[in-house]
């Protein structure tokens, strides 16, 4: 699996998996910009929200763009997620940084559509 494939796999797992995955793959000082009422989260607040919230059952990406720049990797895409009868669509971007621990998520943004 190449670096780009691994980042897309990580991205999908962020949508579907819980706190254990986040603990392994998110930087301590990561920032997430999510729709209200959640809003802007940083660091440990991200894990607190993930621990309390339900996860998506399925997610699919389209219009994917991936770009590596030095030790950073950016993904941009439209997400289609489902959980029971709930559906969600958003334009998203995520930035990963290569660190001693491997690739870690440092920033994520969602704009519902």
C-alpha atoms as a PDB file:
ATOM      1  CA  UNK A   1       0.000   0.000   0.000  1.00  0.00           C
ATOM      2  CA  UNK A   2       1.440   3.388  -0.944  1.00  0.00           C
ATOM      3  CA  UNK A   3       1.304   6.545   1.189  1.00  0.00           C
ATOM      4  CA  UNK A   4      -1.760   7.948  -0.577  1.00  0.00           C
ATOM      5  CA  UNK A   5      -3.743   4.714  -0.236  1.00  0.00           C
ATOM      6  CA  UNK A   6      -2.812   4.538   3.445  1.00  0.00           C
ATOM      7  CA  UNK A   7      -4.041   8.109   4.058  1.00  0.00           C
ATOM      8  CA  UNK A   8      -7.383   7.379   2.341  1.00  0.00           C
ATOM      9  CA  UNK A   9      -7.716   4.260   4.488  1.00  0.00           C
ATOM     10  CA  UNK A  10      -6.968   6.308   7.622  1.00  0.00           C
ATOM     11  CA  UNK A  11      -9.506   8.914   6.526  1.00  0.00           C
ATOM     12  CA  UNK A  12     -12.232   6.298   6.192  1.00  0.00           C
ATOM     13  CA  UNK A  13     -11.344   4.852   9.584  1.00  0.00           C
ATOM     14  CA  UNK A  14     -11.669   8.314  11.205  1.00  0.00           C
ATOM     15  CA  UNK A  15     -15.302   8.355  10.050  1.00  0.00           C
ATOM     16  CA  UNK A  16     -16.108   4.808  11.154  1.00  0.00           C
ATOM     17  CA  UNK A  17     -13.953   3.931  14.166  1.00  0.00           C
ATOM     18  CA  UNK A  18     -13.858   5.180  17.716  1.00  0.00           C
ATOM     19  CA  UNK A  19     -11.510   6.632  20.308  1.00  0.00           C
ATOM     20  CA  UNK A  20      -8.815   3.925  20.134  1.00  0.00           C
ATOM     21  CA  UNK A  21      -8.104   4.723  16.479  1.00  0.00           C
ATOM     22  CA  UNK A  22      -8.145   8.469  17.175  1.00  0.00           C
ATOM     23  CA  UNK A  23      -5.664   8.017  20.036  1.00  0.00           C
ATOM     24  CA  UNK A  24      -3.253   6.286  17.666  1.00  0.00           C
ATOM     25  CA  UNK A  25      -3.614   8.537  14.634  1.00  0.00           C
ATOM     26  CA  UNK A  26      -4.361  12.073  15.776  1.00  0.00           C
ATOM     27  CA  UNK A  27      -1.763  14.630  16.840  1.00  0.00           C
ATOM     28  CA  UNK A  28      -2.066  15.924  20.419  1.00  0.00           C
ATOM     29  CA  UNK A  29      -2.625  19.468  19.163  1.00  0.00           C
ATOM     30  CA  UNK A  30      -4.861  18.599  16.204  1.00  0.00           C
ATOM     31  CA  UNK A  31      -7.659  20.957  15.183  1.00  0.00           C
ATOM     32  CA  UNK A  32     -11.085  20.002  13.829  1.00  0.00           C
ATOM     33  CA  UNK A  33     -13.642  22.410  12.401  1.00  0.00           C
ATOM     34  CA  UNK A  34     -17.024  20.683  12.444  1.00  0.00           C
ATOM     35  CA  UNK A  35     -20.600  21.886  11.899  1.00  0.00           C
ATOM     36  CA  UNK A  36     -22.434  23.486  14.828  1.00  0.00           C
ATOM     37  CA  UNK A  37     -23.256  22.621  17.508  1.00  0.00           C
ATOM     38  CA  UNK A  38     -19.860  20.865  17.742  1.00  0.00           C
ATOM     39  CA  UNK A  39     -17.832  23.711  16.209  1.00  0.00           C
ATOM     40  CA  UNK A  40     -14.073  24.084  16.595  1.00  0.00           C
ATOM     41  CA  UNK A  41     -12.217  21.466  18.616  1.00  0.00           C
ATOM     42  CA  UNK A  42      -8.578  21.173  19.583  1.00  0.00           C
ATOM     43  CA  UNK A  43      -6.510  18.501  21.271  1.00  0.00           C
ATOM     44  CA  UNK A  44      -8.226  16.468  23.991  1.00  0.00           C
ATOM     45  CA  UNK A  45     -11.630  18.036  23.245  1.00  0.00           C
ATOM     46  CA  UNK A  46     -11.655  16.037  20.003  1.00  0.00           C
ATOM     47  CA  UNK A  47     -11.346  12.758  21.904  1.00  0.00           C
ATOM     48  CA  UNK A  48     -14.038  13.812  24.379  1.00  0.00           C
ATOM     49  CA  UNK A  49     -16.502  14.377  21.532  1.00  0.00           C
ATOM     50  CA  UNK A  50     -15.571  11.104  19.787  1.00  0.00           C
ATOM     51  CA  UNK A  51     -16.041   9.132  23.012  1.00  0.00           C
ATOM     52  CA  UNK A  52     -19.595  10.490  23.433  1.00  0.00           C
ATOM     53  CA  UNK A  53     -20.829  10.537  19.845  1.00  0.00           C
ATOM     54  CA  UNK A  54     -22.116   7.721  17.644  1.00  0.00           C
ATOM     55  CA  UNK A  55     -19.948   6.681  14.721  1.00  0.00           C
ATOM     56  CA  UNK A  56     -21.058   6.482  11.093  1.00  0.00           C
ATOM     57  CA  UNK A  57     -21.930   3.015   9.788  1.00  0.00           C
ATOM     58  CA  UNK A  58     -20.789   3.678   6.218  1.00  0.00           C
ATOM     59  CA  UNK A  59     -18.921   6.428   4.401  1.00  0.00           C
ATOM     60  CA  UNK A  60     -18.044   6.927   0.739  1.00  0.00           C
ATOM     61  CA  UNK A  61     -15.821   9.582  -0.806  1.00  0.00           C
ATOM     62  CA  UNK A  62     -16.054  11.251  -4.207  1.00  0.00           C
ATOM     63  CA  UNK A  63     -14.209  14.039  -6.026  1.00  0.00           C
ATOM     64  CA  UNK A  64     -11.067  13.015  -4.130  1.00  0.00           C
ATOM     65  CA  UNK A  65      -7.915  15.104  -4.314  1.00  0.00           C
ATOM     66  CA  UNK A  66      -4.664  14.075  -2.638  1.00  0.00           C
ATOM     67  CA  UNK A  67      -1.457  16.083  -2.469  1.00  0.00           C
ATOM     68  CA  UNK A  68       1.823  15.508  -0.703  1.00  0.00           C
ATOM     69  CA  UNK A  69       4.011  18.469   0.161  1.00  0.00           C
ATOM     70  CA  UNK A  70       7.187  17.591   2.060  1.00  0.00           C
ATOM     71  CA  UNK A  71       6.190  15.926   5.310  1.00  0.00           C
ATOM     72  CA  UNK A  72       2.514  16.893   4.905  1.00  0.00           C
ATOM     73  CA  UNK A  73      -0.301  15.189   3.040  1.00  0.00           C
ATOM     74  CA  UNK A  74      -3.637  16.846   2.230  1.00  0.00           C
ATOM     75  CA  UNK A  75      -6.874  15.097   1.289  1.00  0.00           C
ATOM     76  CA  UNK A  76      -9.961  16.900  -0.027  1.00  0.00           C
ATOM     77  CA  UNK A  77     -13.231  15.185  -0.922  1.00  0.00           C
ATOM     78  CA  UNK A  78     -16.991  15.024  -0.635  1.00  0.00           C
ATOM     79  CA  UNK A  79     -18.181  12.558   2.003  1.00  0.00           C
ATOM     80  CA  UNK A  80     -21.480  10.643   1.982  1.00  0.00           C
ATOM     81  CA  UNK A  81     -22.093   9.023   5.370  1.00  0.00           C
ATOM     82  CA  UNK A  82     -24.965   6.955   6.773  1.00  0.00           C
ATOM     83  CA  UNK A  83     -26.029   5.871  10.247  1.00  0.00           C
ATOM     84  CA  UNK A  84     -29.423   4.145  10.464  1.00  0.00           C
ATOM     85  CA  UNK A  85     -31.843   6.456   8.644  1.00  0.00           C
ATOM     86  CA  UNK A  86     -29.531   9.478   9.000  1.00  0.00           C
ATOM     87  CA  UNK A  87     -27.515  10.622   6.015  1.00  0.00           C
ATOM     88  CA  UNK A  88     -24.831  13.307   5.875  1.00  0.00           C
ATOM     89  CA  UNK A  89     -22.962  14.991   3.028  1.00  0.00           C
ATOM     90  CA  UNK A  90     -20.019  17.327   3.505  1.00  0.00           C
ATOM     91  CA  UNK A  91     -17.073  18.824   1.690  1.00  0.00           C
ATOM     92  CA  UNK A  92     -14.027  17.870   3.731  1.00  0.00           C
ATOM     93  CA  UNK A  93     -10.310  18.373   3.962  1.00  0.00           C
ATOM     94  CA  UNK A  94      -7.742  16.697   6.177  1.00  0.00           C
ATOM     95  CA  UNK A  95      -4.065  17.399   6.671  1.00  0.00           C
ATOM     96  CA  UNK A  96      -1.658  14.737   7.866  1.00  0.00           C
ATOM     97  CA  UNK A  97       1.921  15.257   9.000  1.00  0.00           C
ATOM     98  CA  UNK A  98       4.686  12.693   9.090  1.00  0.00           C
ATOM     99  CA  UNK A  99       5.958  12.354  12.660  1.00  0.00           C
ATOM    100  CA  UNK A 100       8.094   9.943  14.679  1.00  0.00           C
ATOM    101  CA  UNK A 101       4.885   8.010  15.444  1.00  0.00           C
ATOM    102  CA  UNK A 102       4.035   7.753  11.733  1.00  0.00           C
ATOM    103  CA  UNK A 103       1.476   9.808   9.825  1.00  0.00           C
ATOM    104  CA  UNK A 104      -0.859  11.760  12.114  1.00  0.00           C
ATOM    105  CA  UNK A 105      -3.931  13.857  11.455  1.00  0.00           C
ATOM    106  CA  UNK A 106      -3.260  17.496  12.370  1.00  0.00           C
ATOM    107  CA  UNK A 107      -6.309  19.251  10.873  1.00  0.00           C
ATOM    108  CA  UNK A 108      -9.774  18.342   9.589  1.00  0.00           C
ATOM    109  CA  UNK A 109     -12.586  20.537   8.258  1.00  0.00           C
ATOM    110  CA  UNK A 110     -16.184  19.718   7.254  1.00  0.00           C
ATOM    111  CA  UNK A 111     -18.659  21.921   5.388  1.00  0.00           C
ATOM    112  CA  UNK A 112     -22.120  20.296   5.136  1.00  0.00           C
ATOM    113  CA  UNK A 113     -23.748  20.338   1.696  1.00  0.00           C
END
